[in-house]
Structures are given as C-alpha cells and as structure tokens.
Amino acid sequence: MTADYFELASKGIRGLQPYQPGKPVEELERELGLKDIIKLASNENPLGPSEHVVKALTAALPEAARYPDGSAFELKKALAAKLNVAEETLTIGNGSNDVLELLARVYVRPGAEVLVSEHSFVVYPLLTISLGAELITVPALNYGQDLDATLDAVTAKTRMVFIANPNNPTGTWLSEKAIRSFLDQVSDDVIVVLDEAYFEYVEDDDYPDGIQLSREYPNLVVTRTFSKAYGLAGLRIGYSVSHPDMADMMNRVRQPFNVNSLSLVGALKALDDTDYIEQVVALNKAGLTYLEAECDALGLGYIPSVGNFLTIDFDRDAMPIYEALLREGVIVRPIGVYGLPNHLRVTVGLKAENERFIQSLKRVLG
C-alpha cells in the first residue's frame, strides 16, 4: 500500500500552488514553433550584464571546481563600504528571495500573523502560508500599499509586515514620510521588511533610502537584489541589511555555500559600475515614457510605474490578449494571480522590443 504523500506534507504547503514565472522563450518555441521571440515578462534587464561583469565571469570560470567563499567576505566588505553599514548587518542570498525566506524561517511561526498588501509580490504569501502562519491581506489604495490600513491591521499576533517599494507588479511606491510615519507607530517587535528590488530605477526626491532608515529603526530589514538593474537575474544574488542580531539569526539557518562563486564575482564587479547603471536607468526611463504615450494613444489605462515595467489595464479579461501576443512571438506577464485579471505587466525592453510589442498589441486589439 502506498502512503498518501499529499497528506504527509506540512499543512501550509498542501494549500500552495507552485510559483509561476514568466514563460521562458524556449517553452514558447516548443509550443508554437516560433523562432523570433521577445520576452518582456520577467522584469529582466534588456541590456544584460555589463561588459566588465562578463569579463570577470569569464576569468573566474577556471575556478568553478572550487567551492565559493561561504562567508562572501569580499562582497560583504564592498557592500559595507558602499552602503556605509557594518558587515555584521549584511546577509547574502541566492537572490533576494532567498534572504526573504531566511528571514521568514527565523521569525515566522504557526499562529503568527504576517501582513501583506493586496497586489503585492506573490512570494510574500507563499512564504507565510508555507510556514503555517496566518496571512492578512490589506486592501490596496490606488493599487499601492495603504500604510494607514496596514497599521490598523497590526495586532499582538503580528510578527512581520512586508512592504515592497516600489511594488511589483503595480510599480507604485511610498514616500519617505509615509514609511517613517508607519515605522514610528508600529511596535519594535514587529519586523518590517522593506523590499527594494527596483530602487535603482526611482528618481523622485521623496523616495526613501531604506538603508538610512534601517540605521534608525532596528526592526526594519531592507532587501535588495542584483537581478534587476545590474542585469544578473540568471546568477541569483541579493542581500539584506538588518540589525546585526537578525543577520546573525539568518546566517544560522542559511545553507552552506548558498551563493555560487560566479554570482559573488559578478556582484562584486557590478557593484561599482555606476556608468552602466546610469545607462540602464536612462534606457528604462525612455522606454517607460514611450509605452505610456502609446497606451495613451490607444486609449488604454495603466498604473503609473517607477519600476522597469508597466502594468496595462485592458478593462476586460486580459488572458485572450496575452495568448494572442504569444502567437505574435511576444511574451508578457498575465497577473491574475495578483488580483489583476484585466491587466498585463510589460517589462521595458530595448527600443526595438518596445516598438514590436506595441505593433503586435495594435494587431491583437484590431
């Protein structure tokens, strides 16, 4: 007799669905036999890694048989100098998702409450439910996080609050004043996670510096990644800045060698490539401006974004439009799982890719 391996699994995990990433180019090639495909689905950097990073990775390949530095000594040293933080506040992960999971494993337990915003990154609920905690979803305000409502939802059982700034998939953001007000009022035994995966793209003066805030609020954890602006999504490397005691706890559950040697080399080389980041941000700004103008011309609504993507409102079920775009060889992201079934999220690509998307969209919409 075969055991019931579904029932043997942890209760929280039984209720989950696997995370669905943007459709890979190779998958669409297999399904439709297409060759000329562009992918604007996963908020990847269309420029790829900088040439300096590529050269460093190539030079490091002969050492691939060696285990990486499990302490990430050189990268921590460089990050600490660049961010003006102590090395003891840093935790390095296999992407910032890895750091989020480490933090949740340490501090979230069955019976605790975790607060997230409606339309926020799907990984936050996934972590919460998998650990047997109670997920509290706070209704969004203009597609963004309502910090006043979030504060009202905090109870004695609240252990963690996730805040994405900017938020994925909506591209909305919160001002320094709003976040400071929230941090001033929330209890210091509630851990506040400020996910800044897209912070490099934001140019508004009112946008807060999470690292500076973390110096003032010991219950604040800031997570960042090299996957977006730095173009290292395939290498999977991110980090957090937190109170040293929290970093210590996360490092106790961190897997040995959780970050591979090429990731460490790539991140270290990318960190100070400021000219490249300026180029990335300029390209993204031009692309966003173009996509917004084309949506205006087509009479399509969209959520104003400060990330490297635009979420477009079709005012009807967006899945048929998504599927029609696939037949055009254009991959974008349906986001019904985020409570936005009438929207598609489109990553800003190269100029030619943005133009191809718009031309394909015009044909699809007729």
Foldseek 3Di string as FASTA:
>chain_A
DDDDVLVVADPLLSPDDDDDFFDDLVVLCVVQVDDPFDEFAHQFQQVAADPLLVVLLVVCVVVQVDFADQLLVLLLVVVCVVLVHDSLQKDKFLALLRVVLLLCVLFPAAAAEEEEEQLADPSVVSSNSSRNHHYDYFYADLSARDLVSVLVPDDPRAQEYEHEALGPPAQDHDFPVSVVVSLVPDDLNHAYEYEDAFVLLDDDPRHDDQSVVQVVRQSYKYKYGCRHLNNPVVQRMIMIGHRSVSSVSSVVPDDGSNHGNSSSSSCSSSVPPVVSSVVSSVQQVVLLVVLVVLCVVVVWDWRDHSGQKIKIFQVDQCVVLQVQVSVVNYTWAQVVVSVRRRIIIGGRHGPVNSVSSSVSSVVSVD
